[in-house]
Amino acid sequence: MKHEFRASINPDENGEFNCILCGYAEISHGPQAVCESCGTEVICDLFPDTKHPKKMLLCAECISKEIKIAVDTAKERALKQTAENIKSAGDYMVGDIPSIKEVSDTVNADEAIPANNKGYEICKIIKERIINFDKNILQYNQQAREAQKQRNEFQIYLNHKMKEISEEKQKELGLSPISYKSPSAPKKAKPPSVSSKRINIDELKKIANSFNIPWEALRTIMVGRQVTAEEAAKIFIQMRNLTQETTTKEG
C-alpha cells in the first residue's frame, strides 16, 4: 500500500492488531498482499481510498481496470442523457452543447478550408476535444486521490494532537473525546487462515450462482478476508455497487 502499516491500539475480536489507517492486517501492506479481485499475491492498494466503507484491496492492474470501467460508464451515461434530451437534429448544435456549434461555425467560416474537407476538419477537432476530456477525467481522479491522502494525514495528526487538550476543549472544537489505553506490543499479523482446501466448492458454487457471482472471485475474497461464502458475496456486491456509485458521481 501507499501508506505504512500502523498497528491499532486495541486488538480486534480475533486478537489481531490491524492498521489504524485502513483496518487491514500487516500482511496486506507488503508484497504478500492478496488482490481481492484477481487473487494475485502482489503489492496492492485500496480502491477507491483507505476510508471508503466499501473499499477493496486491489493490485495495480485491477485498479486500472476499475478506473477504465468508471470512465467508460460515465461516457456512456453522458451520451445516453444527451440522446434523451435531443428531439431534433438542431439540438446537437444548440442548448447544452454550445461548443459543437462554435467548432462548426469556425470551420465553416474558414475560407482556407475547402468545402469538401470541412466535415473532416470538424470531426478532427471534436475527436481531439474528446481525448482532452479523457485526460481531464483521469487528472481529476488523481487530484481527488491526492486530496483524500492529505486529508487522512491531517486526520491522523488531529487524533494524536487532541490528546493534549481537555475534553471540554475537544467538545468546543466539535471533536469526540476519546480515551486511550496503553498499547500492548503489536503482534505480527498472521497470514489468512482460510484455505481453498477447507472450502466446500460445491456449496461455494451454489451460493455464487444464486448471486450471479463468479465462484473464483468469491473464493478469493473468502481467503483474503477470512469470511464465509455469504459474507464474501456481500462484499462482492458492495464492490459492484461502489463502481456504479463512482461512475454516477463522475458522470
C-alpha atoms as a PDB file:
ATOM      1  CA  MET A   1       0.000   0.000   0.000  1.00  0.00           C
ATOM      2  CA  LYS A   2       0.988   3.635  -0.298  1.00  0.00           C
ATOM      3  CA  HIS A   3       0.918   4.036   3.474  1.00  0.00           C
ATOM      4  CA  GLU A   4       2.911   2.166   6.096  1.00  0.00           C
ATOM      5  CA  PHE A   5       1.284  -0.268   8.490  1.00  0.00           C
ATOM      6  CA  ARG A   6       0.401   1.374  11.815  1.00  0.00           C
ATOM      7  CA  ALA A   7      -0.824  -1.073  14.408  1.00  0.00           C
ATOM      8  CA  SER A   8      -4.040  -0.276  16.234  1.00  0.00           C
ATOM      9  CA  ILE A   9      -4.035   0.315  19.979  1.00  0.00           C
ATOM     10  CA  ASN A  10      -6.518  -2.445  20.730  1.00  0.00           C
ATOM     11  CA  PRO A  11      -6.814  -5.859  19.042  1.00  0.00           C
ATOM     12  CA  ASP A  12      -9.876  -6.867  17.067  1.00  0.00           C
ATOM     13  CA  GLU A  13     -12.242  -9.691  18.008  1.00  0.00           C
ATOM     14  CA  ASN A  14      -9.682 -12.190  16.698  1.00  0.00           C
ATOM     15  CA  GLY A  15      -6.879 -10.726  18.796  1.00  0.00           C
ATOM     16  CA  GLU A  16      -5.157  -9.153  15.795  1.00  0.00           C
ATOM     17  CA  PHE A  17      -3.724  -5.625  15.656  1.00  0.00           C
ATOM     18  CA  ASN A  18      -4.857  -4.216  12.326  1.00  0.00           C
ATOM     19  CA  CYS A  19      -3.789  -0.942  10.709  1.00  0.00           C
ATOM     20  CA  ILE A  20      -5.413   2.189  12.191  1.00  0.00           C
ATOM     21  CA  LEU A  21      -5.429   3.830   8.746  1.00  0.00           C
ATOM     22  CA  CYS A  22      -7.228   1.189   6.721  1.00  0.00           C
ATOM     23  CA  GLY A  23      -8.207  -1.671   9.052  1.00  0.00           C
ATOM     24  CA  TYR A  24      -6.233  -4.300   7.136  1.00  0.00           C
ATOM     25  CA  ALA A  25      -3.665  -6.703   8.560  1.00  0.00           C
ATOM     26  CA  GLU A  26       0.085  -6.082   8.296  1.00  0.00           C
ATOM     27  CA  ILE A  27       0.495  -8.738   5.601  1.00  0.00           C
ATOM     28  CA  SER A  28      -1.804  -6.749   3.291  1.00  0.00           C
ATOM     29  CA  HIS A  29       0.673  -3.856   3.322  1.00  0.00           C
ATOM     30  CA  GLY A  30       3.524  -5.742   1.679  1.00  0.00           C
ATOM     31  CA  PRO A  31       4.357  -7.949  -1.307  1.00  0.00           C
ATOM     32  CA  GLN A  32       2.367 -10.862   0.179  1.00  0.00           C
ATOM     33  CA  ALA A  33      -0.918  -8.986  -0.082  1.00  0.00           C
ATOM     34  CA  VAL A  34      -3.658 -10.811  -1.998  1.00  0.00           C
ATOM     35  CA  CYS A  35      -5.728  -8.877  -4.554  1.00  0.00           C
ATOM     36  CA  GLU A  36      -9.397  -9.279  -3.650  1.00  0.00           C
ATOM     37  CA  SER A  37     -10.376  -9.192  -7.314  1.00  0.00           C
ATOM     38  CA  CYS A  38      -7.957 -11.450  -9.211  1.00  0.00           C
ATOM     39  CA  GLY A  39      -6.337 -13.287  -6.275  1.00  0.00           C
ATOM     40  CA  THR A  40      -2.769 -12.380  -7.259  1.00  0.00           C
ATOM     41  CA  GLU A  41      -0.222 -12.200  -4.436  1.00  0.00           C
ATOM     42  CA  VAL A  42       1.450  -8.852  -5.058  1.00  0.00           C
ATOM     43  CA  ILE A  43       1.771  -5.338  -3.632  1.00  0.00           C
ATOM     44  CA  CYS A  44      -1.762  -3.889  -3.584  1.00  0.00           C
ATOM     45  CA  ASP A  45      -3.583  -0.696  -2.678  1.00  0.00           C
ATOM     46  CA  LEU A  46      -7.086   0.197  -1.529  1.00  0.00           C
ATOM     47  CA  PHE A  47      -9.722   1.288  -4.053  1.00  0.00           C
ATOM     48  CA  PRO A  48     -11.137   3.902  -4.064  1.00  0.00           C
ATOM     49  CA  ASP A  49      -9.350   5.038  -0.846  1.00  0.00           C
ATOM     50  CA  THR A  50      -8.488   3.951   2.694  1.00  0.00           C
ATOM     51  CA  LYS A  51     -11.585   5.448   4.358  1.00  0.00           C
ATOM     52  CA  HIS A  52     -14.326   4.348   1.964  1.00  0.00           C
ATOM     53  CA  PRO A  53     -16.716   1.882   3.672  1.00  0.00           C
ATOM     54  CA  LYS A  54     -16.797  -0.340   0.577  1.00  0.00           C
ATOM     55  CA  LYS A  55     -13.076  -0.272  -0.223  1.00  0.00           C
ATOM     56  CA  MET A  56     -11.272  -3.320  -1.596  1.00  0.00           C
ATOM     57  CA  LEU A  57      -7.637  -4.361  -1.719  1.00  0.00           C
ATOM     58  CA  LEU A  58      -6.650  -4.451  -5.395  1.00  0.00           C
ATOM     59  CA  CYS A  59      -3.479  -4.846  -7.430  1.00  0.00           C
ATOM     60  CA  ALA A  60      -2.367  -2.082  -9.801  1.00  0.00           C
ATOM     61  CA  GLU A  61      -3.795  -3.868 -12.835  1.00  0.00           C
ATOM     62  CA  CYS A  62      -7.231  -4.310 -11.263  1.00  0.00           C
ATOM     63  CA  ILE A  63      -7.271  -0.682 -10.084  1.00  0.00           C
ATOM     64  CA  SER A  64      -6.572   0.428 -13.672  1.00  0.00           C
ATOM     65  CA  LYS A  65      -9.447  -1.752 -14.865  1.00  0.00           C
ATOM     66  CA  GLU A  66     -11.817  -0.242 -12.281  1.00  0.00           C
ATOM     67  CA  ILE A  67     -10.850   3.310 -13.315  1.00  0.00           C
ATOM     68  CA  LYS A  68     -11.348   2.446 -17.006  1.00  0.00           C
ATOM     69  CA  ILE A  69     -14.750   0.935 -16.261  1.00  0.00           C
ATOM     70  CA  ALA A  70     -15.745   4.075 -14.340  1.00  0.00           C
ATOM     71  CA  VAL A  71     -14.613   6.372 -17.169  1.00  0.00           C
ATOM     72  CA  ASP A  72     -16.282   4.275 -19.895  1.00  0.00           C
ATOM     73  CA  THR A  73     -19.523   4.029 -17.925  1.00  0.00           C
ATOM     74  CA  ALA A  74     -19.523   7.775 -17.325  1.00  0.00           C
ATOM     75  CA  LYS A  75     -19.126   8.373 -21.073  1.00  0.00           C
ATOM     76  CA  GLU A  76     -21.983   6.018 -21.910  1.00  0.00           C
ATOM     77  CA  ARG A  77     -24.237   7.661 -19.339  1.00  0.00           C
ATOM     78  CA  ALA A  78     -23.433  11.136 -20.657  1.00  0.00           C
ATOM     79  CA  LEU A  79     -24.152  10.070 -24.237  1.00  0.00           C
ATOM     80  CA  LYS A  80     -27.416   8.428 -23.194  1.00  0.00           C
ATOM     81  CA  GLN A  81     -28.586  11.506 -21.285  1.00  0.00           C
ATOM     82  CA  THR A  82     -27.694  13.736 -24.229  1.00  0.00           C
ATOM     83  CA  ALA A  83     -29.556  11.478 -26.652  1.00  0.00           C
ATOM     84  CA  GLU A  84     -32.675  11.521 -24.470  1.00  0.00           C
ATOM     85  CA  ASN A  85     -32.706  15.325 -24.487  1.00  0.00           C
ATOM     86  CA  ILE A  86     -32.319  15.606 -28.268  1.00  0.00           C
ATOM     87  CA  LYS A  87     -35.588  15.853 -30.162  1.00  0.00           C
ATOM     88  CA  SER A  88     -34.284  17.164 -33.468  1.00  0.00           C
ATOM     89  CA  ALA A  89     -31.006  17.454 -35.381  1.00  0.00           C
ATOM     90  CA  GLY A  90     -30.781  21.122 -34.402  1.00  0.00           C
ATOM     91  CA  ASP A  91     -30.477  20.151 -30.746  1.00  0.00           C
ATOM     92  CA  TYR A  92     -26.968  18.868 -31.464  1.00  0.00           C
ATOM     93  CA  MET A  93     -25.869  22.381 -32.326  1.00  0.00           C
ATOM     94  CA  VAL A  94     -27.507  24.427 -29.577  1.00  0.00           C
ATOM     95  CA  GLY A  95     -28.648  24.215 -25.978  1.00  0.00           C
ATOM     96  CA  ASP A  96     -26.500  22.044 -23.730  1.00  0.00           C
ATOM     97  CA  ILE A  97     -23.592  21.675 -26.208  1.00  0.00           C
ATOM     98  CA  PRO A  98     -22.722  25.178 -27.494  1.00  0.00           C
ATOM     99  CA  SER A  99     -19.083  24.187 -28.062  1.00  0.00           C
ATOM    100  CA  ILE A 100     -20.064  21.991 -31.001  1.00  0.00           C
ATOM    101  CA  LYS A 101     -21.808  24.888 -32.723  1.00  0.00           C
ATOM    102  CA  GLU A 102     -18.747  27.043 -32.082  1.00  0.00           C
ATOM    103  CA  VAL A 103     -16.476  24.470 -33.725  1.00  0.00           C
ATOM    104  CA  SER A 104     -18.791  24.042 -36.690  1.00  0.00           C
ATOM    105  CA  ASP A 105     -19.213  27.790 -37.258  1.00  0.00           C
ATOM    106  CA  THR A 106     -15.461  28.400 -37.032  1.00  0.00           C
ATOM    107  CA  VAL A 107     -14.604  25.692 -39.568  1.00  0.00           C
ATOM    108  CA  ASN A 108     -17.385  26.658 -41.949  1.00  0.00           C
ATOM    109  CA  ALA A 109     -16.301  30.297 -41.835  1.00  0.00           C
ATOM    110  CA  ASP A 110     -12.665  29.465 -42.606  1.00  0.00           C
ATOM    111  CA  GLU A 111     -12.253  30.099 -46.340  1.00  0.00           C
ATOM    112  CA  ALA A 112      -8.842  28.411 -46.295  1.00  0.00           C
ATOM    113  CA  ILE A 113     -10.553  25.027 -45.753  1.00  0.00           C
ATOM    114  CA  PRO A 114     -12.084  23.528 -48.925  1.00  0.00           C
ATOM    115  CA  ALA A 115     -15.831  22.937 -48.733  1.00  0.00           C
ATOM    116  CA  ASN A 116     -15.453  19.201 -49.325  1.00  0.00           C
ATOM    117  CA  ASN A 117     -12.982  18.977 -46.404  1.00  0.00           C
ATOM    118  CA  LYS A 118     -14.899  20.909 -43.725  1.00  0.00           C
ATOM    119  CA  GLY A 119     -16.637  17.825 -42.367  1.00  0.00           C
ATOM    120  CA  TYR A 120     -13.277  16.103 -41.892  1.00  0.00           C
ATOM    121  CA  GLU A 121     -11.831  19.110 -40.040  1.00  0.00           C
ATOM    122  CA  ILE A 122     -14.855  19.299 -37.722  1.00  0.00           C
ATOM    123  CA  CYS A 123     -14.540  15.594 -36.862  1.00  0.00           C
ATOM    124  CA  LYS A 124     -10.803  16.007 -36.280  1.00  0.00           C
ATOM    125  CA  ILE A 125     -11.317  18.865 -33.808  1.00  0.00           C
ATOM    126  CA  ILE A 126     -14.141  17.078 -31.967  1.00  0.00           C
ATOM    127  CA  LYS A 127     -12.018  13.933 -31.612  1.00  0.00           C
ATOM    128  CA  GLU A 128      -9.150  15.985 -30.134  1.00  0.00           C
ATOM    129  CA  ARG A 129     -11.526  17.512 -27.592  1.00  0.00           C
ATOM    130  CA  ILE A 130     -12.779  14.082 -26.585  1.00  0.00           C
ATOM    131  CA  ILE A 131      -9.187  12.975 -25.980  1.00  0.00           C
ATOM    132  CA  ASN A 132      -8.653  16.053 -23.816  1.00  0.00           C
ATOM    133  CA  PHE A 133     -11.811  15.248 -21.839  1.00  0.00           C
ATOM    134  CA  ASP A 134     -10.451  11.744 -21.153  1.00  0.00           C
ATOM    135  CA  LYS A 135      -7.161  13.193 -19.908  1.00  0.00           C
ATOM    136  CA  ASN A 136      -9.021  15.645 -17.669  1.00  0.00           C
ATOM    137  CA  ILE A 137     -11.118  12.863 -16.149  1.00  0.00           C
ATOM    138  CA  LEU A 138      -8.006  10.882 -15.195  1.00  0.00           C
ATOM    139  CA  GLN A 139      -6.347  14.026 -13.845  1.00  0.00           C
ATOM    140  CA  TYR A 140      -9.343  14.891 -11.687  1.00  0.00           C
ATOM    141  CA  ASN A 141      -9.429  11.338 -10.329  1.00  0.00           C
ATOM    142  CA  GLN A 142      -5.751  11.623  -9.382  1.00  0.00           C
ATOM    143  CA  GLN A 143      -6.332  15.001  -7.724  1.00  0.00           C
ATOM    144  CA  ALA A 144      -9.194  13.521  -5.724  1.00  0.00           C
ATOM    145  CA  ARG A 145      -6.986  10.660  -4.511  1.00  0.00           C
ATOM    146  CA  GLU A 146      -4.211  13.075  -3.525  1.00  0.00           C
ATOM    147  CA  ALA A 147      -6.698  15.272  -1.653  1.00  0.00           C
ATOM    148  CA  GLN A 148      -8.026  12.215   0.205  1.00  0.00           C
ATOM    149  CA  LYS A 149      -4.477  11.200   1.126  1.00  0.00           C
ATOM    150  CA  GLN A 150      -3.683  14.632   2.565  1.00  0.00           C
ATOM    151  CA  ARG A 151      -6.993  14.700   4.410  1.00  0.00           C
ATOM    152  CA  ASN A 152      -6.193  11.341   6.023  1.00  0.00           C
ATOM    153  CA  GLU A 153      -2.772  12.603   7.148  1.00  0.00           C
ATOM    154  CA  PHE A 154      -4.337  15.669   8.781  1.00  0.00           C
ATOM    155  CA  GLN A 155      -6.951  13.486  10.482  1.00  0.00           C
ATOM    156  CA  ILE A 156      -4.284  11.202  11.937  1.00  0.00           C
ATOM    157  CA  TYR A 157      -2.360  14.179  13.294  1.00  0.00           C
ATOM    158  CA  LEU A 158      -5.545  15.644  14.780  1.00  0.00           C
ATOM    159  CA  ASN A 159      -6.364  12.381  16.508  1.00  0.00           C
ATOM    160  CA  HIS A 160      -2.909  12.448  18.087  1.00  0.00           C
ATOM    161  CA  LYS A 161      -2.819  16.163  18.922  1.00  0.00           C
ATOM    162  CA  MET A 162      -6.235  16.315  20.542  1.00  0.00           C
ATOM    163  CA  LYS A 163      -4.885  14.224  23.439  1.00  0.00           C
ATOM    164  CA  GLU A 164      -3.093  17.366  24.603  1.00  0.00           C
ATOM    165  CA  ILE A 165      -6.303  19.324  25.253  1.00  0.00           C
ATOM    166  CA  SER A 166      -9.105  18.752  27.729  1.00  0.00           C
ATOM    167  CA  GLU A 167     -12.370  17.014  26.895  1.00  0.00           C
ATOM    168  CA  GLU A 168     -14.121  20.357  27.311  1.00  0.00           C
ATOM    169  CA  LYS A 169     -11.912  21.944  24.645  1.00  0.00           C
ATOM    170  CA  GLN A 170     -12.388  18.920  22.424  1.00  0.00           C
ATOM    171  CA  LYS A 171     -16.162  19.364  22.634  1.00  0.00           C
ATOM    172  CA  GLU A 172     -15.753  23.085  21.939  1.00  0.00           C
ATOM    173  CA  LEU A 173     -13.992  22.202  18.683  1.00  0.00           C
ATOM    174  CA  GLY A 174     -16.650  19.645  17.847  1.00  0.00           C
ATOM    175  CA  LEU A 175     -14.306  16.719  18.443  1.00  0.00           C
ATOM    176  CA  SER A 176     -15.375  13.494  20.080  1.00  0.00           C
ATOM    177  CA  PRO A 177     -13.420  12.880  23.302  1.00  0.00           C
ATOM    178  CA  ILE A 178     -11.579   9.600  23.144  1.00  0.00           C
ATOM    179  CA  SER A 179      -9.929   7.543  25.858  1.00  0.00           C
ATOM    180  CA  TYR A 180      -6.617   5.832  25.352  1.00  0.00           C
ATOM    181  CA  LYS A 181      -5.222   2.646  26.812  1.00  0.00           C
ATOM    182  CA  SER A 182      -1.594   1.718  26.974  1.00  0.00           C
ATOM    183  CA  PRO A 183      -0.951  -0.221  23.781  1.00  0.00           C
ATOM    184  CA  SER A 184       0.360  -3.728  24.037  1.00  0.00           C
ATOM    185  CA  ALA A 185       3.190  -4.848  21.837  1.00  0.00           C
ATOM    186  CA  PRO A 186       1.800  -5.302  18.330  1.00  0.00           C
ATOM    187  CA  LYS A 187       1.577  -8.871  17.199  1.00  0.00           C
ATOM    188  CA  LYS A 188       2.816  -9.856  13.809  1.00  0.00           C
ATOM    189  CA  ALA A 189      -0.151 -10.320  11.535  1.00  0.00           C
ATOM    190  CA  LYS A 190      -0.844 -13.906  10.628  1.00  0.00           C
ATOM    191  CA  PRO A 191      -1.461 -14.965   7.048  1.00  0.00           C
ATOM    192  CA  PRO A 192      -5.101 -15.688   6.204  1.00  0.00           C
ATOM    193  CA  SER A 193      -6.104 -18.937   7.885  1.00  0.00           C
ATOM    194  CA  VAL A 194      -8.824 -19.810   5.385  1.00  0.00           C
ATOM    195  CA  SER A 195      -7.519 -22.077   2.621  1.00  0.00           C
ATOM    196  CA  SER A 196      -9.120 -23.345  -0.539  1.00  0.00           C
ATOM    197  CA  LYS A 197      -8.772 -26.915   0.768  1.00  0.00           C
ATOM    198  CA  ARG A 198     -11.235 -26.187   3.574  1.00  0.00           C
ATOM    199  CA  ILE A 199     -13.785 -24.591   1.273  1.00  0.00           C
ATOM    200  CA  ASN A 200     -16.716 -26.654   0.087  1.00  0.00           C
ATOM    201  CA  ILE A 201     -16.524 -25.903  -3.645  1.00  0.00           C
ATOM    202  CA  ASP A 202     -19.980 -27.283  -4.398  1.00  0.00           C
ATOM    203  CA  GLU A 203     -21.572 -25.135  -1.701  1.00  0.00           C
ATOM    204  CA  LEU A 204     -19.474 -22.178  -2.853  1.00  0.00           C
ATOM    205  CA  LYS A 205     -20.650 -22.523  -6.460  1.00  0.00           C
ATOM    206  CA  LYS A 206     -24.244 -22.831  -5.286  1.00  0.00           C
ATOM    207  CA  ILE A 207     -24.018 -19.539  -3.377  1.00  0.00           C
ATOM    208  CA  ALA A 208     -22.117 -17.855  -6.232  1.00  0.00           C
ATOM    209  CA  ASN A 209     -24.780 -18.874  -8.757  1.00  0.00           C
ATOM    210  CA  SER A 210     -27.583 -17.596  -6.524  1.00  0.00           C
ATOM    211  CA  PHE A 211     -25.991 -14.123  -6.538  1.00  0.00           C
ATOM    212  CA  ASN A 212     -24.740 -14.308 -10.156  1.00  0.00           C
ATOM    213  CA  ILE A 213     -21.101 -14.012  -8.983  1.00  0.00           C
ATOM    214  CA  PRO A 214     -18.048 -15.858 -10.390  1.00  0.00           C
ATOM    215  CA  TRP A 215     -17.249 -18.544  -7.818  1.00  0.00           C
ATOM    216  CA  GLU A 216     -13.472 -17.985  -8.257  1.00  0.00           C
ATOM    217  CA  ALA A 217     -13.893 -14.324  -7.184  1.00  0.00           C
ATOM    218  CA  LEU A 218     -15.967 -15.456  -4.196  1.00  0.00           C
ATOM    219  CA  ARG A 219     -13.243 -17.880  -3.105  1.00  0.00           C
ATOM    220  CA  THR A 220     -10.561 -15.169  -3.435  1.00  0.00           C
ATOM    221  CA  ILE A 221     -12.493 -12.840  -1.117  1.00  0.00           C
ATOM    222  CA  MET A 222     -13.072 -15.656   1.378  1.00  0.00           C
ATOM    223  CA  VAL A 223      -9.335 -16.346   1.570  1.00  0.00           C
ATOM    224  CA  GLY A 224      -8.293 -12.685   1.620  1.00  0.00           C
ATOM    225  CA  ARG A 225     -10.872 -11.512   4.180  1.00  0.00           C
ATOM    226  CA  GLN A 226     -11.228 -14.753   6.169  1.00  0.00           C
ATOM    227  CA  VAL A 227     -15.002 -14.673   5.836  1.00  0.00           C
ATOM    228  CA  THR A 228     -17.774 -17.102   4.971  1.00  0.00           C
ATOM    229  CA  ALA A 229     -19.145 -17.531   1.469  1.00  0.00           C
ATOM    230  CA  GLU A 230     -22.240 -15.500   2.352  1.00  0.00           C
ATOM    231  CA  GLU A 231     -20.118 -12.654   3.740  1.00  0.00           C
ATOM    232  CA  ALA A 232     -17.855 -12.789   0.681  1.00  0.00           C
ATOM    233  CA  ALA A 233     -20.919 -12.455  -1.558  1.00  0.00           C
ATOM    234  CA  LYS A 234     -21.988  -9.324   0.332  1.00  0.00           C
ATOM    235  CA  ILE A 235     -18.502  -7.824  -0.084  1.00  0.00           C
ATOM    236  CA  PHE A 236     -18.522  -8.560  -3.828  1.00  0.00           C
ATOM    237  CA  ILE A 237     -21.959  -6.956  -4.231  1.00  0.00           C
ATOM    238  CA  GLN A 238     -20.820  -3.909  -2.240  1.00  0.00           C
ATOM    239  CA  MET A 239     -17.829  -3.518  -4.579  1.00  0.00           C
ATOM    240  CA  ARG A 240     -20.059  -3.816  -7.616  1.00  0.00           C
ATOM    241  CA  ASN A 241     -22.385  -1.140  -6.208  1.00  0.00           C
ATOM    242  CA  LEU A 242     -19.354   1.023  -5.390  1.00  0.00           C
ATOM    243  CA  THR A 243     -18.289   1.000  -9.033  1.00  0.00           C
ATOM    244  CA  GLN A 244     -21.771   2.108 -10.055  1.00  0.00           C
ATOM    245  CA  GLU A 245     -21.794   4.900  -7.423  1.00  0.00           C
ATOM    246  CA  THR A 246     -18.356   6.118  -8.508  1.00  0.00           C
ATOM    247  CA  THR A 247     -19.348   6.317 -12.160  1.00  0.00           C
ATOM    248  CA  THR A 248     -22.564   8.113 -11.207  1.00  0.00           C
ATOM    249  CA  LYS A 249     -20.600  10.867  -9.415  1.00  0.00           C
ATOM    250  CA  GLU A 250     -18.128  11.217 -12.288  1.00  0.00           C
ATOM    251  CA  GLY A 251     -20.965  11.272 -14.820  1.00  0.00           C
END
